[in-house]
């Protein structure tokens, strides 16, 4: 088969479509013939040499995919060859085939190609907004990076829960995010979100980390919950514990990729039960900015790095 390899740490030009060894299913795994994968910022970090895959995971980028099951490992039940699936991966999605633990499979909720953009964002958003932050109807959530794949999904999911949604994004993306259900959109390039937002946030979903830490604490409501899922603004910052204590607030920092398979399976199960019905009903729609042939992954990485897209950028095979 072919896969995108990273020749050496560097820019998009190091991504190369190359013939590699076919995967074999281990017990409890299936082989998925990939129809599409999606580009996540973690893939860009891996390309730069800053985010290695967990042990035992293929070295190719790609944290999610959609496709068709072509082989079953020993002990697999509940799935058959020919089933259309999408999957949460630890890596390896930029390839023609990938081995997937059965606990990380989901049925395709609609279009096979578009389904490639759901697993990583659905699992990230559900695990953090529900498992960690316990977001409830009537609360206000501040979602940073509203135009990203995670952001566009989180806006729709939070609205489906009955929350009030505030988000940050460049002004060119505001109309689209309001259409998706955001109640207030703040241009982070022109305004201080902590001062511009109407009211305070019961929950904040943050991708920036250090650079937003002080203002996130300022923006929290009493008993507010800040969940950091990205470090685009730096890894180390000063936390004013007095300000946090005065609000009886909490700060959580989470990651999905390195979790053991049993934890991922538990998250995928929750997503299938609580999120998939919202997708199947149309309450949450796939937001696909563009589809790019997988062999042209370098171009897709350039698009994501420029941050001009809204929603997901997909890498597609056979188109």
C-alpha atoms as a PDB file:
ATOM      1  CA  UNK A   1       0.000   0.000   0.000  1.00  0.00           C
ATOM      2  CA  UNK A   2       0.947   3.686  -0.033  1.00  0.00           C
ATOM      3  CA  UNK A   3       1.108   6.121   2.860  1.00  0.00           C
ATOM      4  CA  UNK A   4       2.326   9.625   3.606  1.00  0.00           C
ATOM      5  CA  UNK A   5       5.681   9.382   5.344  1.00  0.00           C
ATOM      6  CA  UNK A   6       7.586  12.180   7.074  1.00  0.00           C
ATOM      7  CA  UNK A   7      11.066  12.012   5.522  1.00  0.00           C
ATOM      8  CA  UNK A   8      12.506  14.187   8.279  1.00  0.00           C
ATOM      9  CA  UNK A   9      11.163  16.899  10.593  1.00  0.00           C
ATOM     10  CA  UNK A  10      10.385  20.015   8.602  1.00  0.00           C
ATOM     11  CA  UNK A  11       7.922  21.900   6.449  1.00  0.00           C
ATOM     12  CA  UNK A  12       5.071  20.480   4.357  1.00  0.00           C
ATOM     13  CA  UNK A  13       7.549  19.456   1.633  1.00  0.00           C
ATOM     14  CA  UNK A  14       8.805  16.555   3.810  1.00  0.00           C
ATOM     15  CA  UNK A  15       5.479  14.746   3.377  1.00  0.00           C
ATOM     16  CA  UNK A  16       5.877  12.062   0.700  1.00  0.00           C
ATOM     17  CA  UNK A  17       3.421   9.544  -0.790  1.00  0.00           C
ATOM     18  CA  UNK A  18       5.435   6.322  -0.636  1.00  0.00           C
ATOM     19  CA  UNK A  19       4.941   2.558  -0.857  1.00  0.00           C
ATOM     20  CA  UNK A  20       5.038   0.948   2.607  1.00  0.00           C
ATOM     21  CA  UNK A  21       4.244  -2.406   4.201  1.00  0.00           C
ATOM     22  CA  UNK A  22       0.588  -3.382   4.496  1.00  0.00           C
ATOM     23  CA  UNK A  23      -0.785  -3.563   8.078  1.00  0.00           C
ATOM     24  CA  UNK A  24      -1.907  -6.864   9.593  1.00  0.00           C
ATOM     25  CA  UNK A  25      -4.746  -6.987  12.129  1.00  0.00           C
ATOM     26  CA  UNK A  26      -3.844  -8.020  15.652  1.00  0.00           C
ATOM     27  CA  UNK A  27      -6.449  -9.703  17.872  1.00  0.00           C
ATOM     28  CA  UNK A  28      -9.299  -7.287  18.455  1.00  0.00           C
ATOM     29  CA  UNK A  29      -8.443  -5.151  15.417  1.00  0.00           C
ATOM     30  CA  UNK A  30      -9.834  -4.707  11.917  1.00  0.00           C
ATOM     31  CA  UNK A  31      -8.212  -3.450   8.735  1.00  0.00           C
ATOM     32  CA  UNK A  32      -9.937  -0.426   7.224  1.00  0.00           C
ATOM     33  CA  UNK A  33      -9.459   0.430   3.558  1.00  0.00           C
ATOM     34  CA  UNK A  34      -9.270   4.188   3.895  1.00  0.00           C
ATOM     35  CA  UNK A  35     -11.556   6.440   1.866  1.00  0.00           C
ATOM     36  CA  UNK A  36     -10.494   9.683   3.550  1.00  0.00           C
ATOM     37  CA  UNK A  37      -8.622  11.108   6.504  1.00  0.00           C
ATOM     38  CA  UNK A  38      -8.579  14.622   7.966  1.00  0.00           C
ATOM     39  CA  UNK A  39      -5.859  17.106   8.827  1.00  0.00           C
ATOM     40  CA  UNK A  40      -5.535  18.060  12.496  1.00  0.00           C
ATOM     41  CA  UNK A  41      -3.024  20.453  14.059  1.00  0.00           C
ATOM     42  CA  UNK A  42      -1.460  17.492  15.826  1.00  0.00           C
ATOM     43  CA  UNK A  43      -0.430  16.263  12.362  1.00  0.00           C
ATOM     44  CA  UNK A  44       1.443  19.508  11.758  1.00  0.00           C
ATOM     45  CA  UNK A  45       3.233  19.113  15.092  1.00  0.00           C
ATOM     46  CA  UNK A  46       4.159  15.523  14.232  1.00  0.00           C
ATOM     47  CA  UNK A  47       5.568  16.691  10.898  1.00  0.00           C
ATOM     48  CA  UNK A  48       7.755  19.165  12.764  1.00  0.00           C
ATOM     49  CA  UNK A  49       9.069  16.424  15.050  1.00  0.00           C
ATOM     50  CA  UNK A  50       7.231  17.800  18.100  1.00  0.00           C
ATOM     51  CA  UNK A  51       4.529  15.165  18.602  1.00  0.00           C
ATOM     52  CA  UNK A  52       5.589  11.556  18.124  1.00  0.00           C
ATOM     53  CA  UNK A  53       2.917   8.842  17.890  1.00  0.00           C
ATOM     54  CA  UNK A  54       2.417   6.567  20.912  1.00  0.00           C
ATOM     55  CA  UNK A  55       4.340   3.245  20.988  1.00  0.00           C
ATOM     56  CA  UNK A  56       2.999   0.659  18.554  1.00  0.00           C
ATOM     57  CA  UNK A  57       1.211   3.229  16.384  1.00  0.00           C
ATOM     58  CA  UNK A  58       2.120   3.652  12.680  1.00  0.00           C
ATOM     59  CA  UNK A  59       4.530   6.548  12.031  1.00  0.00           C
ATOM     60  CA  UNK A  60       2.271   8.113   9.412  1.00  0.00           C
ATOM     61  CA  UNK A  61       0.138  11.115  10.456  1.00  0.00           C
ATOM     62  CA  UNK A  62      -3.633  10.944  10.674  1.00  0.00           C
ATOM     63  CA  UNK A  63      -5.784  10.796  13.813  1.00  0.00           C
ATOM     64  CA  UNK A  64      -9.034   9.775  12.119  1.00  0.00           C
ATOM     65  CA  UNK A  65     -10.328   8.171   8.956  1.00  0.00           C
ATOM     66  CA  UNK A  66     -13.341   6.741   7.187  1.00  0.00           C
ATOM     67  CA  UNK A  67     -13.493   3.706   4.963  1.00  0.00           C
ATOM     68  CA  UNK A  68     -14.580   0.087   4.637  1.00  0.00           C
ATOM     69  CA  UNK A  69     -13.563  -2.914   6.739  1.00  0.00           C
ATOM     70  CA  UNK A  70     -11.539  -5.342   4.614  1.00  0.00           C
ATOM     71  CA  UNK A  71     -10.235  -7.832   7.212  1.00  0.00           C
ATOM     72  CA  UNK A  72     -10.988  -8.946  10.771  1.00  0.00           C
ATOM     73  CA  UNK A  73      -8.475  -9.923  13.448  1.00  0.00           C
ATOM     74  CA  UNK A  74      -9.033 -12.769  15.873  1.00  0.00           C
ATOM     75  CA  UNK A  75     -11.810 -12.262  18.387  1.00  0.00           C
ATOM     76  CA  UNK A  76     -13.594  -9.454  16.524  1.00  0.00           C
ATOM     77  CA  UNK A  77     -17.368  -9.460  16.921  1.00  0.00           C
ATOM     78  CA  UNK A  78     -20.054  -6.948  15.984  1.00  0.00           C
ATOM     79  CA  UNK A  79     -18.363  -5.878  12.750  1.00  0.00           C
ATOM     80  CA  UNK A  80     -18.151  -7.505   9.324  1.00  0.00           C
ATOM     81  CA  UNK A  81     -16.024  -7.208   6.206  1.00  0.00           C
ATOM     82  CA  UNK A  82     -17.693  -4.590   4.019  1.00  0.00           C
ATOM     83  CA  UNK A  83     -19.005  -2.429   6.895  1.00  0.00           C
ATOM     84  CA  UNK A  84     -18.613   1.301   6.323  1.00  0.00           C
ATOM     85  CA  UNK A  85     -16.914   2.857   9.330  1.00  0.00           C
ATOM     86  CA  UNK A  86     -15.069   5.874  10.633  1.00  0.00           C
ATOM     87  CA  UNK A  87     -12.431   5.579  13.310  1.00  0.00           C
ATOM     88  CA  UNK A  88     -10.471   7.370  16.005  1.00  0.00           C
ATOM     89  CA  UNK A  89      -6.764   6.642  15.500  1.00  0.00           C
ATOM     90  CA  UNK A  90      -3.530   7.125  17.380  1.00  0.00           C
ATOM     91  CA  UNK A  91      -1.957   7.752  13.964  1.00  0.00           C
ATOM     92  CA  UNK A  92      -1.712   6.169  10.536  1.00  0.00           C
ATOM     93  CA  UNK A  93      -4.735   7.709   8.828  1.00  0.00           C
ATOM     94  CA  UNK A  94      -2.730   9.155   5.926  1.00  0.00           C
ATOM     95  CA  UNK A  95      -2.571   5.747   4.234  1.00  0.00           C
ATOM     96  CA  UNK A  96      -4.496   3.399   1.992  1.00  0.00           C
ATOM     97  CA  UNK A  97      -5.111   0.978   4.871  1.00  0.00           C
ATOM     98  CA  UNK A  98      -4.911   1.120   8.656  1.00  0.00           C
ATOM     99  CA  UNK A  99      -5.374  -1.316  11.548  1.00  0.00           C
ATOM    100  CA  UNK A 100      -7.938  -0.125  14.103  1.00  0.00           C
ATOM    101  CA  UNK A 101      -8.957  -1.521  17.515  1.00  0.00           C
ATOM    102  CA  UNK A 102     -12.664  -2.350  17.354  1.00  0.00           C
ATOM    103  CA  UNK A 103     -13.359  -0.098  20.337  1.00  0.00           C
ATOM    104  CA  UNK A 104     -12.380   2.911  18.233  1.00  0.00           C
ATOM    105  CA  UNK A 105     -14.787   2.226  15.360  1.00  0.00           C
ATOM    106  CA  UNK A 106     -17.988   4.133  14.677  1.00  0.00           C
ATOM    107  CA  UNK A 107     -20.644   3.538  11.999  1.00  0.00           C
ATOM    108  CA  UNK A 108     -20.694   6.065   9.164  1.00  0.00           C
ATOM    109  CA  UNK A 109     -23.460   8.639   9.841  1.00  0.00           C
ATOM    110  CA  UNK A 110     -24.161   9.687   6.234  1.00  0.00           C
ATOM    111  CA  UNK A 111     -21.564  10.457   3.587  1.00  0.00           C
ATOM    112  CA  UNK A 112     -18.513   8.165   3.709  1.00  0.00           C
ATOM    113  CA  UNK A 113     -15.959  10.864   2.853  1.00  0.00           C
ATOM    114  CA  UNK A 114     -17.381  13.506   5.177  1.00  0.00           C
ATOM    115  CA  UNK A 115     -17.404  10.995   8.039  1.00  0.00           C
ATOM    116  CA  UNK A 116     -13.591  11.163   8.114  1.00  0.00           C
ATOM    117  CA  UNK A 117     -13.896  14.569   9.777  1.00  0.00           C
ATOM    118  CA  UNK A 118     -15.995  13.423  12.739  1.00  0.00           C
ATOM    119  CA  UNK A 119     -14.141  10.973  15.052  1.00  0.00           C
ATOM    120  CA  UNK A 120     -11.326  13.147  16.428  1.00  0.00           C
ATOM    121  CA  UNK A 121     -13.434  16.261  16.960  1.00  0.00           C
ATOM    122  CA  UNK A 122     -16.451  14.385  18.320  1.00  0.00           C
ATOM    123  CA  UNK A 123     -14.334  12.476  20.829  1.00  0.00           C
ATOM    124  CA  UNK A 124     -12.380  15.582  21.835  1.00  0.00           C
ATOM    125  CA  UNK A 125     -15.446  17.772  22.267  1.00  0.00           C
ATOM    126  CA  UNK A 126     -17.622  15.197  24.049  1.00  0.00           C
ATOM    127  CA  UNK A 127     -14.898  14.028  26.425  1.00  0.00           C
ATOM    128  CA  UNK A 128     -13.992  17.573  27.437  1.00  0.00           C
ATOM    129  CA  UNK A 129     -17.347  19.364  27.491  1.00  0.00           C
ATOM    130  CA  UNK A 130     -19.231  16.447  29.065  1.00  0.00           C
ATOM    131  CA  UNK A 131     -16.784  14.214  30.955  1.00  0.00           C
ATOM    132  CA  UNK A 132     -14.471  16.961  32.215  1.00  0.00           C
ATOM    133  CA  UNK A 133     -16.448  20.226  32.271  1.00  0.00           C
ATOM    134  CA  UNK A 134     -19.972  18.804  32.794  1.00  0.00           C
ATOM    135  CA  UNK A 135     -21.521  21.463  30.538  1.00  0.00           C
ATOM    136  CA  UNK A 136     -25.272  21.772  31.134  1.00  0.00           C
ATOM    137  CA  UNK A 137     -28.222  23.402  29.399  1.00  0.00           C
ATOM    138  CA  UNK A 138     -28.528  27.077  30.251  1.00  0.00           C
ATOM    139  CA  UNK A 139     -24.822  27.559  30.914  1.00  0.00           C
ATOM    140  CA  UNK A 140     -22.487  29.748  28.853  1.00  0.00           C
ATOM    141  CA  UNK A 141     -19.512  28.164  27.091  1.00  0.00           C
ATOM    142  CA  UNK A 142     -16.622  30.097  25.550  1.00  0.00           C
ATOM    143  CA  UNK A 143     -15.056  28.170  22.664  1.00  0.00           C
ATOM    144  CA  UNK A 144     -11.728  29.457  21.390  1.00  0.00           C
ATOM    145  CA  UNK A 145     -10.862  28.901  17.732  1.00  0.00           C
ATOM    146  CA  UNK A 146     -14.471  28.689  16.616  1.00  0.00           C
ATOM    147  CA  UNK A 147     -13.554  28.330  12.946  1.00  0.00           C
ATOM    148  CA  UNK A 148     -11.481  25.181  13.447  1.00  0.00           C
ATOM    149  CA  UNK A 149     -12.730  21.630  13.074  1.00  0.00           C
ATOM    150  CA  UNK A 150     -13.074  21.334  16.843  1.00  0.00           C
ATOM    151  CA  UNK A 151     -14.638  24.786  17.091  1.00  0.00           C
ATOM    152  CA  UNK A 152     -17.312  24.300  14.439  1.00  0.00           C
ATOM    153  CA  UNK A 153     -18.254  20.956  15.984  1.00  0.00           C
ATOM    154  CA  UNK A 154     -18.230  22.280  19.557  1.00  0.00           C
ATOM    155  CA  UNK A 155     -20.493  25.199  18.658  1.00  0.00           C
ATOM    156  CA  UNK A 156     -23.108  22.852  17.223  1.00  0.00           C
ATOM    157  CA  UNK A 157     -22.802  20.336  20.047  1.00  0.00           C
ATOM    158  CA  UNK A 158     -23.091  22.965  22.788  1.00  0.00           C
ATOM    159  CA  UNK A 159     -26.154  24.501  21.135  1.00  0.00           C
ATOM    160  CA  UNK A 160     -27.746  21.052  20.869  1.00  0.00           C
ATOM    161  CA  UNK A 161     -27.212  20.723  24.636  1.00  0.00           C
ATOM    162  CA  UNK A 162     -29.015  24.024  25.200  1.00  0.00           C
ATOM    163  CA  UNK A 163     -25.970  26.092  26.144  1.00  0.00           C
ATOM    164  CA  UNK A 164     -25.278  29.715  25.244  1.00  0.00           C
ATOM    165  CA  UNK A 165     -22.212  29.829  22.979  1.00  0.00           C
ATOM    166  CA  UNK A 166     -19.547  32.526  22.754  1.00  0.00           C
ATOM    167  CA  UNK A 167     -16.617  31.918  20.437  1.00  0.00           C
ATOM    168  CA  UNK A 168     -13.473  33.628  19.162  1.00  0.00           C
ATOM    169  CA  UNK A 169     -12.443  33.767  15.502  1.00  0.00           C
ATOM    170  CA  UNK A 170     -11.158  36.051  12.793  1.00  0.00           C
ATOM    171  CA  UNK A 171     -13.832  38.417  11.489  1.00  0.00           C
ATOM    172  CA  UNK A 172     -14.003  36.697   8.097  1.00  0.00           C
ATOM    173  CA  UNK A 173     -15.435  33.611   9.814  1.00  0.00           C
ATOM    174  CA  UNK A 174     -18.060  35.336  11.965  1.00  0.00           C
ATOM    175  CA  UNK A 175     -21.072  34.996   9.677  1.00  0.00           C
ATOM    176  CA  UNK A 176     -20.520  31.261   9.263  1.00  0.00           C
ATOM    177  CA  UNK A 177     -20.158  30.691  13.007  1.00  0.00           C
ATOM    178  CA  UNK A 178     -23.312  32.662  13.787  1.00  0.00           C
ATOM    179  CA  UNK A 179     -25.083  30.500  11.224  1.00  0.00           C
ATOM    180  CA  UNK A 180     -23.876  27.405  13.085  1.00  0.00           C
ATOM    181  CA  UNK A 181     -25.490  28.678  16.270  1.00  0.00           C
ATOM    182  CA  UNK A 182     -22.958  30.874  18.067  1.00  0.00           C
ATOM    183  CA  UNK A 183     -24.654  33.596  20.127  1.00  0.00           C
ATOM    184  CA  UNK A 184     -21.618  35.907  20.149  1.00  0.00           C
ATOM    185  CA  UNK A 185     -18.442  35.855  18.050  1.00  0.00           C
ATOM    186  CA  UNK A 186     -15.414  37.923  19.097  1.00  0.00           C
ATOM    187  CA  UNK A 187     -12.559  38.859  16.768  1.00  0.00           C
ATOM    188  CA  UNK A 188      -9.528  37.949  18.867  1.00  0.00           C
ATOM    189  CA  UNK A 189      -7.260  40.003  16.561  1.00  0.00           C
ATOM    190  CA  UNK A 190      -9.112  43.239  17.436  1.00  0.00           C
ATOM    191  CA  UNK A 191     -10.681  42.732  20.877  1.00  0.00           C
ATOM    192  CA  UNK A 192      -9.802  41.373  24.312  1.00  0.00           C
ATOM    193  CA  UNK A 193     -12.277  38.495  24.557  1.00  0.00           C
ATOM    194  CA  UNK A 194     -12.415  38.670  28.368  1.00  0.00           C
ATOM    195  CA  UNK A 195     -13.738  42.234  28.160  1.00  0.00           C
ATOM    196  CA  UNK A 196     -15.766  41.899  24.946  1.00  0.00           C
ATOM    197  CA  UNK A 197     -17.860  38.872  25.880  1.00  0.00           C
ATOM    198  CA  UNK A 198     -21.339  39.432  27.243  1.00  0.00           C
ATOM    199  CA  UNK A 199     -21.431  37.880  30.718  1.00  0.00           C
ATOM    200  CA  UNK A 200     -19.025  35.283  32.072  1.00  0.00           C
ATOM    201  CA  UNK A 201     -18.327  31.723  30.970  1.00  0.00           C
ATOM    202  CA  UNK A 202     -19.313  28.687  33.003  1.00  0.00           C
ATOM    203  CA  UNK A 203     -17.069  26.587  30.750  1.00  0.00           C
ATOM    204  CA  UNK A 204     -14.123  27.563  28.536  1.00  0.00           C
ATOM    205  CA  UNK A 205     -12.706  25.220  25.887  1.00  0.00           C
ATOM    206  CA  UNK A 206      -9.235  26.565  25.132  1.00  0.00           C
ATOM    207  CA  UNK A 207      -6.682  25.693  22.439  1.00  0.00           C
ATOM    208  CA  UNK A 208      -4.154  28.425  23.256  1.00  0.00           C
ATOM    209  CA  UNK A 209      -2.773  27.575  26.671  1.00  0.00           C
ATOM    210  CA  UNK A 210      -0.304  29.982  28.244  1.00  0.00           C
ATOM    211  CA  UNK A 211      -1.084  33.130  26.244  1.00  0.00           C
ATOM    212  CA  UNK A 212      -4.791  33.003  27.184  1.00  0.00           C
ATOM    213  CA  UNK A 213      -4.450  31.759  30.770  1.00  0.00           C
ATOM    214  CA  UNK A 214      -4.827  35.083  32.602  1.00  0.00           C
ATOM    215  CA  UNK A 215      -7.709  36.288  30.417  1.00  0.00           C
ATOM    216  CA  UNK A 216      -9.460  32.906  30.599  1.00  0.00           C
ATOM    217  CA  UNK A 217      -9.486  33.144  34.413  1.00  0.00           C
ATOM    218  CA  UNK A 218     -10.862  36.679  34.103  1.00  0.00           C
ATOM    219  CA  UNK A 219     -13.616  35.417  31.780  1.00  0.00           C
ATOM    220  CA  UNK A 220     -14.693  32.563  34.078  1.00  0.00           C
ATOM    221  CA  UNK A 221     -17.921  32.758  36.031  1.00  0.00           C
ATOM    222  CA  UNK A 222     -18.175  31.666  39.645  1.00  0.00           C
ATOM    223  CA  UNK A 223     -17.703  27.867  39.748  1.00  0.00           C
ATOM    224  CA  UNK A 224     -16.382  28.067  36.182  1.00  0.00           C
ATOM    225  CA  UNK A 225     -14.385  25.282  34.514  1.00  0.00           C
ATOM    226  CA  UNK A 226     -11.475  25.988  32.186  1.00  0.00           C
ATOM    227  CA  UNK A 227     -10.419  23.048  29.998  1.00  0.00           C
ATOM    228  CA  UNK A 228      -7.171  23.435  28.043  1.00  0.00           C
ATOM    229  CA  UNK A 229      -6.861  21.090  25.035  1.00  0.00           C
ATOM    230  CA  UNK A 230      -4.133  22.853  23.047  1.00  0.00           C
ATOM    231  CA  UNK A 231      -0.944  24.814  23.561  1.00  0.00           C
ATOM    232  CA  UNK A 232      -0.783  26.962  20.425  1.00  0.00           C
ATOM    233  CA  UNK A 233      -0.073  29.989  22.639  1.00  0.00           C
ATOM    234  CA  UNK A 234       2.660  28.373  24.712  1.00  0.00           C
ATOM    235  CA  UNK A 235       3.206  25.732  27.364  1.00  0.00           C
ATOM    236  CA  UNK A 236       4.129  27.755  30.444  1.00  0.00           C
ATOM    237  CA  UNK A 237       2.240  30.630  32.019  1.00  0.00           C
ATOM    238  CA  UNK A 238       1.555  32.220  35.398  1.00  0.00           C
ATOM    239  CA  UNK A 239      -1.640  31.110  37.112  1.00  0.00           C
ATOM    240  CA  UNK A 240      -3.173  33.544  39.600  1.00  0.00           C
ATOM    241  CA  UNK A 241      -4.457  31.089  42.194  1.00  0.00           C
ATOM    242  CA  UNK A 242      -6.055  33.884  44.176  1.00  0.00           C
ATOM    243  CA  UNK A 243      -8.225  34.918  41.224  1.00  0.00           C
ATOM    244  CA  UNK A 244      -9.128  31.295  40.562  1.00  0.00           C
ATOM    245  CA  UNK A 245      -9.919  30.669  44.233  1.00  0.00           C
ATOM    246  CA  UNK A 246     -12.152  33.752  44.408  1.00  0.00           C
ATOM    247  CA  UNK A 247     -14.278  32.220  41.653  1.00  0.00           C
ATOM    248  CA  UNK A 248     -14.079  28.687  43.043  1.00  0.00           C
ATOM    249  CA  UNK A 249     -12.918  27.770  39.550  1.00  0.00           C
ATOM    250  CA  UNK A 250     -11.013  24.804  38.169  1.00  0.00           C
ATOM    251  CA  UNK A 251      -8.446  24.262  35.430  1.00  0.00           C
ATOM    252  CA  UNK A 252      -8.077  20.946  33.593  1.00  0.00           C
ATOM    253  CA  UNK A 253      -5.557  20.081  30.885  1.00  0.00           C
ATOM    254  CA  UNK A 254      -6.284  17.053  28.720  1.00  0.00           C
ATOM    255  CA  UNK A 255      -5.050  15.164  25.669  1.00  0.00           C
ATOM    256  CA  UNK A 256      -6.661  12.340  23.686  1.00  0.00           C
ATOM    257  CA  UNK A 257      -3.989  10.726  21.513  1.00  0.00           C
ATOM    258  CA  UNK A 258      -1.852   9.079  24.203  1.00  0.00           C
ATOM    259  CA  UNK A 259      -4.743   7.568  26.161  1.00  0.00           C
ATOM    260  CA  UNK A 260      -4.787   3.766  26.374  1.00  0.00           C
ATOM    261  CA  UNK A 261      -7.175   1.875  24.071  1.00  0.00           C
ATOM    262  CA  UNK A 262      -9.632   1.093  26.859  1.00  0.00           C
ATOM    263  CA  UNK A 263     -10.061   4.809  27.648  1.00  0.00           C
ATOM    264  CA  UNK A 264     -10.489   5.645  23.975  1.00  0.00           C
ATOM    265  CA  UNK A 265     -13.066   2.865  23.652  1.00  0.00           C
ATOM    266  CA  UNK A 266     -15.015   4.308  26.571  1.00  0.00           C
ATOM    267  CA  UNK A 267     -15.007   7.758  24.955  1.00  0.00           C
ATOM    268  CA  UNK A 268     -16.023   6.338  21.567  1.00  0.00           C
ATOM    269  CA  UNK A 269     -18.883   4.463  23.246  1.00  0.00           C
ATOM    270  CA  UNK A 270     -20.122   7.681  24.857  1.00  0.00           C
ATOM    271  CA  UNK A 271     -19.879   9.523  21.545  1.00  0.00           C
ATOM    272  CA  UNK A 272     -21.853   6.821  19.770  1.00  0.00           C
ATOM    273  CA  UNK A 273     -24.584   6.968  22.408  1.00  0.00           C
ATOM    274  CA  UNK A 274     -24.844  10.721  22.945  1.00  0.00           C
ATOM    275  CA  UNK A 275     -23.389  12.448  19.867  1.00  0.00           C
ATOM    276  CA  UNK A 276     -24.156  10.166  16.923  1.00  0.00           C
ATOM    277  CA  UNK A 277     -27.946  10.673  17.240  1.00  0.00           C
ATOM    278  CA  UNK A 278     -27.373  14.436  16.920  1.00  0.00           C
ATOM    279  CA  UNK A 279     -25.386  13.887  13.721  1.00  0.00           C
ATOM    280  CA  UNK A 280     -27.900  11.437  12.302  1.00  0.00           C
ATOM    281  CA  UNK A 281     -30.750  13.884  12.995  1.00  0.00           C
ATOM    282  CA  UNK A 282     -28.906  16.783  11.348  1.00  0.00           C
ATOM    283  CA  UNK A 283     -28.531  18.790  14.566  1.00  0.00           C
ATOM    284  CA  UNK A 284     -24.750  18.590  13.981  1.00  0.00           C
ATOM    285  CA  UNK A 285     -23.554  18.875  10.393  1.00  0.00           C
ATOM    286  CA  UNK A 286     -20.125  18.161   8.905  1.00  0.00           C
ATOM    287  CA  UNK A 287     -18.334  21.427   8.127  1.00  0.00           C
ATOM    288  CA  UNK A 288     -15.891  20.575   5.346  1.00  0.00           C
ATOM    289  CA  UNK A 289     -13.772  23.418   3.996  1.00  0.00           C
ATOM    290  CA  UNK A 290     -12.191  21.430   1.173  1.00  0.00           C
ATOM    291  CA  UNK A 291     -11.158  17.989  -0.053  1.00  0.00           C
ATOM    292  CA  UNK A 292      -7.587  17.455  -1.225  1.00  0.00           C
ATOM    293  CA  UNK A 293      -6.088  14.263  -2.713  1.00  0.00           C
ATOM    294  CA  UNK A 294      -4.138  12.417  -0.034  1.00  0.00           C
ATOM    295  CA  UNK A 295      -0.990  12.342  -2.162  1.00  0.00           C
ATOM    296  CA  UNK A 296      -1.065  16.163  -1.930  1.00  0.00           C
ATOM    297  CA  UNK A 297      -0.968  16.207   1.879  1.00  0.00           C
ATOM    298  CA  UNK A 298       1.691  18.925   1.779  1.00  0.00           C
ATOM    299  CA  UNK A 299      -0.815  21.329   0.228  1.00  0.00           C
ATOM    300  CA  UNK A 300      -3.395  20.428   2.878  1.00  0.00           C
ATOM    301  CA  UNK A 301      -0.894  21.174   5.659  1.00  0.00           C
ATOM    302  CA  UNK A 302      -0.222  24.581   4.113  1.00  0.00           C
ATOM    303  CA  UNK A 303      -3.952  25.363   4.143  1.00  0.00           C
ATOM    304  CA  UNK A 304      -4.334  24.429   7.811  1.00  0.00           C
ATOM    305  CA  UNK A 305      -1.166  26.309   8.811  1.00  0.00           C
ATOM    306  CA  UNK A 306      -2.514  29.484   7.178  1.00  0.00           C
ATOM    307  CA  UNK A 307      -5.673  29.232   9.346  1.00  0.00           C
ATOM    308  CA  UNK A 308      -7.854  30.535   6.523  1.00  0.00           C
ATOM    309  CA  UNK A 309     -10.152  27.501   6.496  1.00  0.00           C
ATOM    310  CA  UNK A 310     -13.401  26.953   8.387  1.00  0.00           C
ATOM    311  CA  UNK A 311     -14.125  23.441   9.612  1.00  0.00           C
ATOM    312  CA  UNK A 312     -12.194  20.407   8.393  1.00  0.00           C
ATOM    313  CA  UNK A 313      -9.714  19.867   5.568  1.00  0.00           C
ATOM    314  CA  UNK A 314     -10.019  16.300   4.265  1.00  0.00           C
ATOM    315  CA  UNK A 315      -7.466  14.105   2.512  1.00  0.00           C
ATOM    316  CA  UNK A 316      -9.274  11.886   0.019  1.00  0.00           C
ATOM    317  CA  UNK A 317      -8.281   8.708  -1.811  1.00  0.00           C
ATOM    318  CA  UNK A 318      -9.598   7.859  -5.257  1.00  0.00           C
ATOM    319  CA  UNK A 319     -10.562  11.410  -6.270  1.00  0.00           C
END
